[in-house]
Amino acid sequence: MRAAALDRRVRKEARALVRDARGAIAMKPGLVGKAGDLEQVTKSVEDGLARDDLAAVRRELPALDALVDELVKRPPKSTTRDYVESIGAAVLIALALRAFVIEAFKIPSSSMYPTLEIGDHIFVNKFIYGIRIPWTSTKLLELRKPERGEVIVFMQPCEPERDYIKRVVATEGQTIEVRCNVIYVDGKAVQNELIEGEGCTYDDYDEGNRTWFTRQCSRYRETVGDFSYETFQDADRPVRDERLRANRMLLNGDTKDFPRLDGARVPPSCATNPDGEPLVAPNQKRGRLEEAVPGQVSNNACEPQLHYRVPEGHVFVMGDNRANSNDSRYWGSVPIENIKGKALFIWLSYSSWSLTDWSGIRFDRIGNFVH
């Protein structure tokens, strides 16, 4: 068996060398090398194969191999070509990674403070929710759906050409309501605690004037399942919380309550966005408003009264900077097909930067995972 296998290997190698030699002879007859005349040695091997005389083939094969290696080998690639091919391969790999696996994003606004700050550069896992056809909302494969508490990057449903980053606070079929800054999901309050009241501030950026300025805030910690993260609320919330604990009732809630109880009770959507021009989002479904207790209205503005049910195939998102975030409270839920990926970690962060001034780089934020 072993001898037969070796014979087959000899025949295969001999035929391959003869083929290469004949191709070279056809282009340039009379090739002679250190091991002899290429035409003569090639013919000797061909005759041996024709007679199935493997002994003769083995005798001539080393000479033919040497001649083919000497006379038929391809010219070496130039250094320039090597560089071009290496760079081209690197670019193709980078494009494939960006399209299907990971992509970099820069945080442009303060809507996700304190989790993400203006000037944070993050990597986003684009593979975790499925494989998408690049530059479209069409998914070839869905691995899993976003979960509550995750920070996601998505195409804004009213302006798909713009990418937003927010936190998922409710998923399809769930109800959500915000009363006195407390989030209720399916009627249950999201666990929260005061971290910092008086003295809480953060730096915001005015793009029009290109200047930084200070905003007042209060800092709270929310816990959703395995996710624990901090949020910024308006500076007056701790005072309202104290009044609520003392009197157990407030007649007036917060301006950021959702859904609003005054005016027309219309589910939020791109077509009814109060903060911008009404737009049509073909793939956005409208949720619906439902009374927390049908037929009953509470006098306490901080109790659940009217909630919003997230439509199928959508998620409800909010910024962690609750008093300064343009999110689902205004333009509705996000279609899952619009979601690009899940925020991973900060790879660069700065408020300002130049070759001569690195003082604006926030080294303490670089490498932090996004929770």
Protein backbone atom coordinates (compact mmCIF):
# COMPACT_ATOMS: atom_id res chain seq x y z
CA MET A 1 0.00 0.00 0.00
CA ARG A 2 2.79 2.41 0.93
CA ALA A 3 4.72 1.68 -2.29
CA ALA A 4 1.60 2.31 -4.38
CA ALA A 5 1.06 5.64 -2.64
CA LEU A 6 4.66 6.68 -3.33
CA ASP A 7 4.29 5.73 -7.00
CA ARG A 8 1.18 7.87 -7.32
CA ARG A 9 3.00 10.79 -5.72
CA VAL A 10 5.93 10.43 -8.16
CA ARG A 11 3.57 10.41 -11.16
CA LYS A 12 1.68 13.45 -9.86
CA GLU A 13 4.86 15.46 -9.25
CA ALA A 14 6.37 14.44 -12.60
CA ARG A 15 3.24 15.50 -14.54
CA ALA A 16 3.17 18.89 -12.74
CA LEU A 17 6.84 19.54 -13.56
CA VAL A 18 6.37 18.50 -17.19
CA ARG A 19 3.41 20.87 -17.49
CA ASP A 20 5.45 23.80 -16.12
CA ALA A 21 8.42 22.94 -18.32
CA ARG A 22 6.34 22.67 -21.52
CA GLY A 23 4.76 26.04 -20.77
CA ALA A 24 8.18 27.64 -20.45
CA ILE A 25 9.54 25.93 -23.58
CA ALA A 26 6.54 27.10 -25.61
CA MET A 27 7.26 30.71 -24.66
CA LYS A 28 11.05 30.48 -25.01
CA PRO A 29 12.58 27.42 -26.74
CA GLY A 30 16.14 26.34 -26.11
CA LEU A 31 16.23 26.87 -22.35
CA VAL A 32 19.38 25.41 -20.81
CA GLY A 33 20.28 25.42 -17.15
CA LYS A 34 22.85 24.01 -14.78
CA ALA A 35 21.17 20.58 -14.81
CA GLY A 36 21.07 20.32 -18.60
CA ASP A 37 18.81 21.01 -21.57
CA LEU A 38 15.20 21.58 -20.40
CA GLU A 39 13.69 20.12 -23.61
CA GLN A 40 15.78 16.93 -23.44
CA VAL A 41 15.18 16.27 -19.73
CA THR A 42 11.47 16.98 -20.10
CA LYS A 43 11.17 14.51 -22.96
CA SER A 44 12.98 11.82 -20.95
CA VAL A 45 10.48 12.21 -18.10
CA GLU A 46 7.54 12.20 -20.55
CA ASP A 47 8.81 8.96 -22.14
CA GLY A 48 9.15 7.34 -18.73
CA LEU A 49 5.58 8.32 -17.83
CA ALA A 50 4.28 7.03 -21.17
CA ARG A 51 5.99 3.63 -20.60
CA ASP A 52 5.01 3.71 -16.89
CA ASP A 53 8.73 3.22 -16.22
CA LEU A 54 8.87 4.81 -12.78
CA ALA A 55 12.53 3.90 -12.35
CA ALA A 56 13.41 6.05 -15.38
CA VAL A 57 11.12 8.80 -14.15
CA ARG A 58 12.81 8.82 -10.73
CA ARG A 59 16.27 9.07 -12.37
CA GLU A 60 15.35 12.14 -14.42
CA LEU A 61 13.00 13.83 -11.93
CA PRO A 62 15.69 15.57 -9.79
CA ALA A 63 17.22 17.17 -12.91
CA LEU A 64 13.82 18.33 -14.19
CA ASP A 65 12.92 19.71 -10.74
CA ALA A 66 16.20 21.69 -10.61
CA LEU A 67 15.73 23.07 -14.14
CA VAL A 68 12.14 24.12 -13.52
CA ASP A 69 13.16 25.77 -10.27
CA GLU A 70 16.02 27.59 -12.02
CA LEU A 71 14.44 28.52 -15.36
CA VAL A 72 10.68 28.64 -14.81
CA LYS A 73 10.37 30.32 -11.39
CA ARG A 74 8.38 33.54 -11.24
CA PRO A 75 10.27 36.80 -10.84
CA PRO A 76 10.35 38.02 -7.25
CA LYS A 77 7.80 40.68 -6.28
CA SER A 78 9.12 44.19 -5.80
CA THR A 79 9.22 45.78 -2.36
CA THR A 80 6.65 48.34 -3.53
CA ARG A 81 4.27 45.60 -4.57
CA ASP A 82 4.72 43.88 -1.21
CA TYR A 83 3.81 47.11 0.61
CA VAL A 84 0.80 47.75 -1.63
CA GLU A 85 -0.54 44.23 -1.15
CA SER A 86 -0.02 44.39 2.64
CA ILE A 87 -1.74 47.76 2.92
CA GLY A 88 -4.58 46.61 0.67
CA ALA A 89 -5.13 43.50 2.78
CA ALA A 90 -5.08 45.58 5.98
CA VAL A 91 -7.65 48.02 4.55
CA LEU A 92 -9.96 45.18 3.49
CA ILE A 93 -9.72 43.58 6.94
CA ALA A 94 -10.41 46.94 8.62
CA LEU A 95 -13.44 47.57 6.40
CA ALA A 96 -14.80 44.10 7.11
CA LEU A 97 -14.35 44.56 10.86
CA ARG A 98 -16.03 47.97 10.72
CA ALA A 99 -18.94 46.65 8.68
CA PHE A 100 -19.69 43.53 10.70
CA VAL A 101 -17.83 43.40 14.03
CA ILE A 102 -16.72 46.66 15.65
CA GLU A 103 -16.95 50.36 14.90
CA ALA A 104 -15.75 53.55 16.56
CA PHE A 105 -18.10 56.38 17.57
CA LYS A 106 -17.56 59.79 19.14
CA ILE A 107 -19.93 61.19 21.78
CA PRO A 108 -21.12 64.64 20.58
CA SER A 109 -23.51 65.73 23.35
CA SER A 110 -24.12 65.64 27.10
CA SER A 111 -27.25 63.45 26.89
CA MET A 112 -25.46 60.38 28.33
CA TYR A 113 -23.67 62.08 31.24
CA PRO A 114 -22.28 60.84 33.57
CA THR A 115 -21.82 57.49 31.77
CA LEU A 116 -20.42 59.04 28.60
CA GLU A 117 -19.02 62.54 28.25
CA ILE A 118 -18.60 64.86 25.29
CA GLY A 119 -15.38 63.88 23.54
CA ASP A 120 -15.46 60.22 24.59
CA HIS A 121 -14.52 57.90 21.73
CA ILE A 122 -16.01 54.43 22.11
CA PHE A 123 -15.96 51.09 20.35
CA VAL A 124 -19.32 49.48 19.57
CA ASN A 125 -19.93 45.75 19.20
CA LYS A 126 -21.90 45.45 15.93
CA PHE A 127 -22.00 41.65 15.96
CA ILE A 128 -23.78 41.05 19.27
CA TYR A 129 -27.30 41.68 17.94
CA GLY A 130 -26.77 40.14 14.49
CA ILE A 131 -25.17 40.65 11.10
CA ARG A 132 -26.40 43.62 9.09
CA ILE A 133 -25.88 44.51 5.43
CA PRO A 134 -23.49 47.50 5.63
CA TRP A 135 -25.10 50.96 5.41
CA THR A 136 -28.61 49.54 5.57
CA SER A 137 -31.07 48.51 8.29
CA THR A 138 -31.46 45.02 6.80
CA LYS A 139 -30.20 42.19 9.01
CA LEU A 140 -29.00 38.90 7.56
CA LEU A 141 -28.92 37.20 10.95
CA GLU A 142 -30.29 38.21 14.36
CA LEU A 143 -28.39 36.69 17.27
CA ARG A 144 -30.30 38.27 20.16
CA LYS A 145 -32.35 41.35 21.00
CA PRO A 146 -31.21 44.27 23.18
CA GLU A 147 -31.89 43.96 26.89
CA ARG A 148 -32.92 46.52 29.48
CA GLY A 149 -29.99 48.49 30.83
CA GLU A 150 -27.76 48.11 27.76
CA VAL A 151 -26.28 51.20 26.08
CA ILE A 152 -26.86 51.04 22.33
CA VAL A 153 -25.97 52.97 19.18
CA PHE A 154 -28.76 53.24 16.63
CA MET A 155 -29.99 55.11 13.59
CA GLN A 156 -32.39 57.78 14.85
CA PRO A 157 -35.80 56.70 13.45
CA CYS A 158 -36.76 60.25 12.40
CA GLU A 159 -33.34 60.95 10.81
CA PRO A 160 -31.75 57.60 9.88
CA GLU A 161 -28.61 59.33 8.63
CA ARG A 162 -27.79 60.33 12.23
CA ASP A 163 -26.48 57.95 14.89
CA TYR A 164 -27.68 58.29 18.50
CA ILE A 165 -26.53 56.58 21.68
CA LYS A 166 -28.95 55.94 24.57
CA ARG A 167 -29.80 53.36 27.21
CA VAL A 168 -32.56 50.77 26.75
CA VAL A 169 -35.09 51.26 29.56
CA ALA A 170 -37.95 49.11 28.21
CA THR A 171 -38.33 46.45 25.54
CA GLU A 172 -41.16 45.40 23.25
CA GLY A 173 -44.47 44.79 24.98
CA GLN A 174 -43.43 46.44 28.25
CA THR A 175 -45.03 49.58 29.65
CA ILE A 176 -43.04 52.61 30.73
CA GLU A 177 -43.95 55.70 32.70
CA VAL A 178 -41.87 58.46 34.30
CA ARG A 179 -43.33 60.30 37.30
CA CYS A 180 -41.26 62.76 39.36
CA ASN A 181 -38.09 61.37 37.72
CA VAL A 182 -38.84 57.80 38.79
CA ILE A 183 -39.11 55.27 35.97
CA TYR A 184 -41.88 52.67 36.19
CA VAL A 185 -41.58 49.61 33.95
CA ASP A 186 -44.61 47.33 33.93
CA GLY A 187 -45.85 49.32 36.92
CA LYS A 188 -42.75 48.69 39.06
CA ALA A 189 -40.39 51.51 40.02
CA VAL A 190 -36.78 51.19 38.91
CA GLN A 191 -34.58 51.05 41.99
CA ASN A 192 -32.79 54.37 42.51
CA GLU A 193 -30.86 56.17 45.24
CA LEU A 194 -29.41 59.66 45.69
CA ILE A 195 -25.63 59.81 45.29
CA GLU A 196 -25.02 63.57 45.17
CA GLY A 197 -27.44 66.45 45.61
CA GLU A 198 -26.13 69.92 46.34
CA GLY A 199 -22.82 70.54 44.60
CA CYS A 200 -23.48 68.28 41.61
CA THR A 201 -22.33 70.00 38.40
CA TYR A 202 -21.05 69.02 34.98
CA ASP A 203 -19.47 70.78 32.01
CA ASP A 204 -21.61 71.09 28.88
CA TYR A 205 -20.61 72.43 25.47
CA ASP A 206 -22.35 75.16 23.47
CA GLU A 207 -21.69 74.31 19.82
CA GLY A 208 -23.00 77.69 18.64
CA ASN A 209 -20.57 79.70 20.74
CA ARG A 210 -17.97 76.92 20.93
CA THR A 211 -17.64 77.39 24.67
CA TRP A 212 -17.91 75.17 27.73
CA PHE A 213 -20.27 76.10 30.56
CA THR A 214 -21.41 74.59 33.87
CA ARG A 215 -24.83 73.02 34.54
CA GLN A 216 -26.34 72.17 37.91
CA CYS A 217 -27.60 68.63 38.53
CA SER A 218 -28.29 65.89 41.02
CA ARG A 219 -26.74 62.44 40.75
CA TYR A 220 -28.64 59.18 41.29
CA ARG A 221 -27.84 55.50 40.91
CA GLU A 222 -30.29 53.18 39.16
CA THR A 223 -30.25 49.39 39.18
CA VAL A 224 -31.88 47.26 36.49
CA GLY A 225 -31.15 43.55 36.83
CA ASP A 226 -27.39 43.11 36.55
CA PHE A 227 -26.89 46.70 35.40
CA SER A 228 -26.08 49.47 37.89
CA TYR A 229 -25.37 52.92 36.51
CA GLU A 230 -25.51 56.58 37.51
CA THR A 231 -27.82 59.22 36.05
CA PHE A 232 -28.04 62.99 36.18
CA GLN A 233 -31.37 64.53 37.15
CA ASP A 234 -32.37 68.18 37.51
CA ALA A 235 -30.92 69.98 40.52
CA ASP A 236 -34.34 70.32 42.23
CA ARG A 237 -35.15 66.63 42.39
CA PRO A 238 -33.73 65.99 45.91
CA VAL A 239 -35.93 68.80 47.28
CA ARG A 240 -39.00 67.34 45.59
CA ASP A 241 -38.12 63.90 46.91
CA GLU A 242 -37.98 65.28 50.45
CA ARG A 243 -41.34 67.01 50.06
CA LEU A 244 -42.80 63.80 48.65
CA ARG A 245 -41.55 61.77 51.60
CA ALA A 246 -42.88 64.35 54.05
CA ASN A 247 -46.32 64.94 52.52
CA ARG A 248 -46.67 61.68 50.54
CA MET A 249 -48.31 63.66 47.75
CA LEU A 250 -47.35 66.24 45.14
CA LEU A 251 -49.91 67.99 42.98
CA ASN A 252 -47.37 68.97 40.34
CA GLY A 253 -44.84 66.61 38.84
CA ASP A 254 -41.72 67.32 36.81
CA THR A 255 -41.55 68.86 33.32
CA LYS A 256 -39.81 65.69 32.13
CA ASP A 257 -42.65 63.39 33.24
CA PHE A 258 -43.77 60.90 30.62
CA PRO A 259 -46.35 60.57 29.19
CA ARG A 260 -47.49 64.12 29.80
CA LEU A 261 -50.90 64.43 31.45
CA ASP A 262 -51.69 67.89 30.10
CA GLY A 263 -52.72 68.61 26.52
CA ALA A 264 -53.46 66.04 23.86
CA ARG A 265 -52.57 62.53 24.94
CA VAL A 266 -50.81 61.29 21.81
CA PRO A 267 -48.16 58.53 21.80
CA PRO A 268 -44.73 59.94 20.92
CA SER A 269 -43.50 59.35 17.37
CA CYS A 270 -41.49 61.05 14.66
CA ALA A 271 -44.75 62.46 13.27
CA THR A 272 -45.60 64.15 16.60
CA ASN A 273 -42.11 65.16 17.79
CA PRO A 274 -42.63 68.44 19.68
CA ASP A 275 -38.93 69.37 19.56
CA GLY A 276 -38.54 69.31 15.79
CA GLU A 277 -40.23 69.17 12.42
CA PRO A 278 -42.73 66.27 12.16
CA LEU A 279 -41.21 63.50 10.06
CA VAL A 280 -42.37 60.21 8.63
CA ALA A 281 -40.51 57.10 9.75
CA PRO A 282 -41.85 54.18 7.67
CA ASN A 283 -40.44 51.46 9.95
CA GLN A 284 -41.44 53.07 13.25
CA LYS A 285 -44.58 51.73 14.90
CA ARG A 286 -46.58 53.84 17.31
CA GLY A 287 -46.97 52.55 20.81
CA ARG A 288 -50.17 53.15 22.69
CA LEU A 289 -51.12 54.99 25.87
CA GLU A 290 -52.95 53.11 28.59
CA GLU A 291 -54.34 54.23 31.94
CA ALA A 292 -52.49 52.63 34.84
CA VAL A 293 -55.82 51.98 36.56
CA PRO A 294 -58.65 52.26 33.99
CA GLY A 295 -61.19 54.88 34.98
CA GLN A 296 -59.19 56.20 37.93
CA VAL A 297 -57.00 59.31 38.12
CA SER A 298 -54.72 59.92 41.10
CA ASN A 299 -54.32 63.34 42.69
CA ASN A 300 -50.68 62.50 43.39
CA ALA A 301 -48.65 63.60 40.38
CA CYS A 302 -45.86 61.22 41.36
CA GLU A 303 -47.94 58.04 41.15
CA PRO A 304 -48.31 55.97 37.93
CA GLN A 305 -51.34 57.17 36.01
CA LEU A 306 -50.79 56.88 32.27
CA HIS A 307 -48.20 54.65 30.71
CA TYR A 308 -46.84 53.92 27.24
CA ARG A 309 -46.67 50.39 25.83
CA VAL A 310 -43.63 49.72 23.64
CA PRO A 311 -44.66 48.33 20.23
CA GLU A 312 -43.49 44.96 18.94
CA GLY A 313 -40.02 44.98 17.41
CA HIS A 314 -39.03 48.21 19.20
CA VAL A 315 -37.20 49.39 22.32
CA PHE A 316 -37.71 52.52 24.42
CA VAL A 317 -34.49 54.47 25.07
CA MET A 318 -33.50 57.34 27.33
CA GLY A 319 -30.30 59.28 27.97
CA ASP A 320 -28.69 58.97 31.39
CA ASN A 321 -28.76 62.76 31.61
CA ARG A 322 -32.52 62.68 32.13
CA ALA A 323 -33.05 66.46 32.30
CA ASN A 324 -31.07 67.10 29.11
CA SER A 325 -31.73 64.28 26.66
CA ASN A 326 -33.68 64.13 23.40
CA ASP A 327 -34.95 60.56 23.43
CA SER A 328 -37.95 58.22 23.11
CA ARG A 329 -40.01 60.45 25.38
CA TYR A 330 -40.25 62.88 22.47
CA TRP A 331 -39.93 60.94 19.20
CA GLY A 332 -41.02 57.42 20.17
CA SER A 333 -39.52 53.96 20.25
CA VAL A 334 -36.57 52.72 18.20
CA PRO A 335 -37.09 49.87 15.70
CA ILE A 336 -34.75 47.02 16.58
CA GLU A 337 -33.63 46.91 12.95
CA ASN A 338 -32.20 50.44 13.42
CA ILE A 339 -29.84 49.32 16.18
CA LYS A 340 -26.19 49.16 15.14
CA GLY A 341 -24.65 47.68 18.25
CA LYS A 342 -23.84 47.75 21.95
CA ALA A 343 -21.34 50.20 23.48
CA LEU A 344 -18.18 48.43 24.68
CA PHE A 345 -15.50 50.70 26.14
CA ILE A 346 -13.87 54.11 25.85
CA TRP A 347 -10.65 54.03 23.84
CA LEU A 348 -9.98 57.79 23.86
CA SER A 349 -11.42 60.79 25.72
CA TYR A 350 -10.65 64.50 25.63
CA SER A 351 -12.31 67.88 26.03
CA SER A 352 -9.67 69.49 23.79
CA TRP A 353 -6.47 68.31 22.16
CA SER A 354 -3.61 69.46 19.97
CA LEU A 355 -0.10 68.28 19.18
CA THR A 356 1.32 70.83 21.61
CA ASP A 357 -1.33 70.62 24.35
CA TRP A 358 -2.44 67.31 25.83
CA SER A 359 -3.93 68.77 29.00
CA GLY A 360 -7.49 68.15 27.75
CA ILE A 361 -7.03 64.38 27.45
CA ARG A 362 -8.97 62.48 30.14
CA PHE A 363 -6.53 59.65 30.80
CA ASP A 364 -8.65 58.35 33.71
CA ARG A 365 -11.52 57.53 31.32
CA ILE A 366 -9.50 55.69 28.68
CA GLY A 367 -10.12 51.95 28.86
CA ASN A 368 -13.31 52.23 30.95
CA PHE A 369 -16.08 49.82 29.95
CA VAL A 370 -19.54 51.24 29.30
CA HIS A 371 -22.06 49.91 31.82
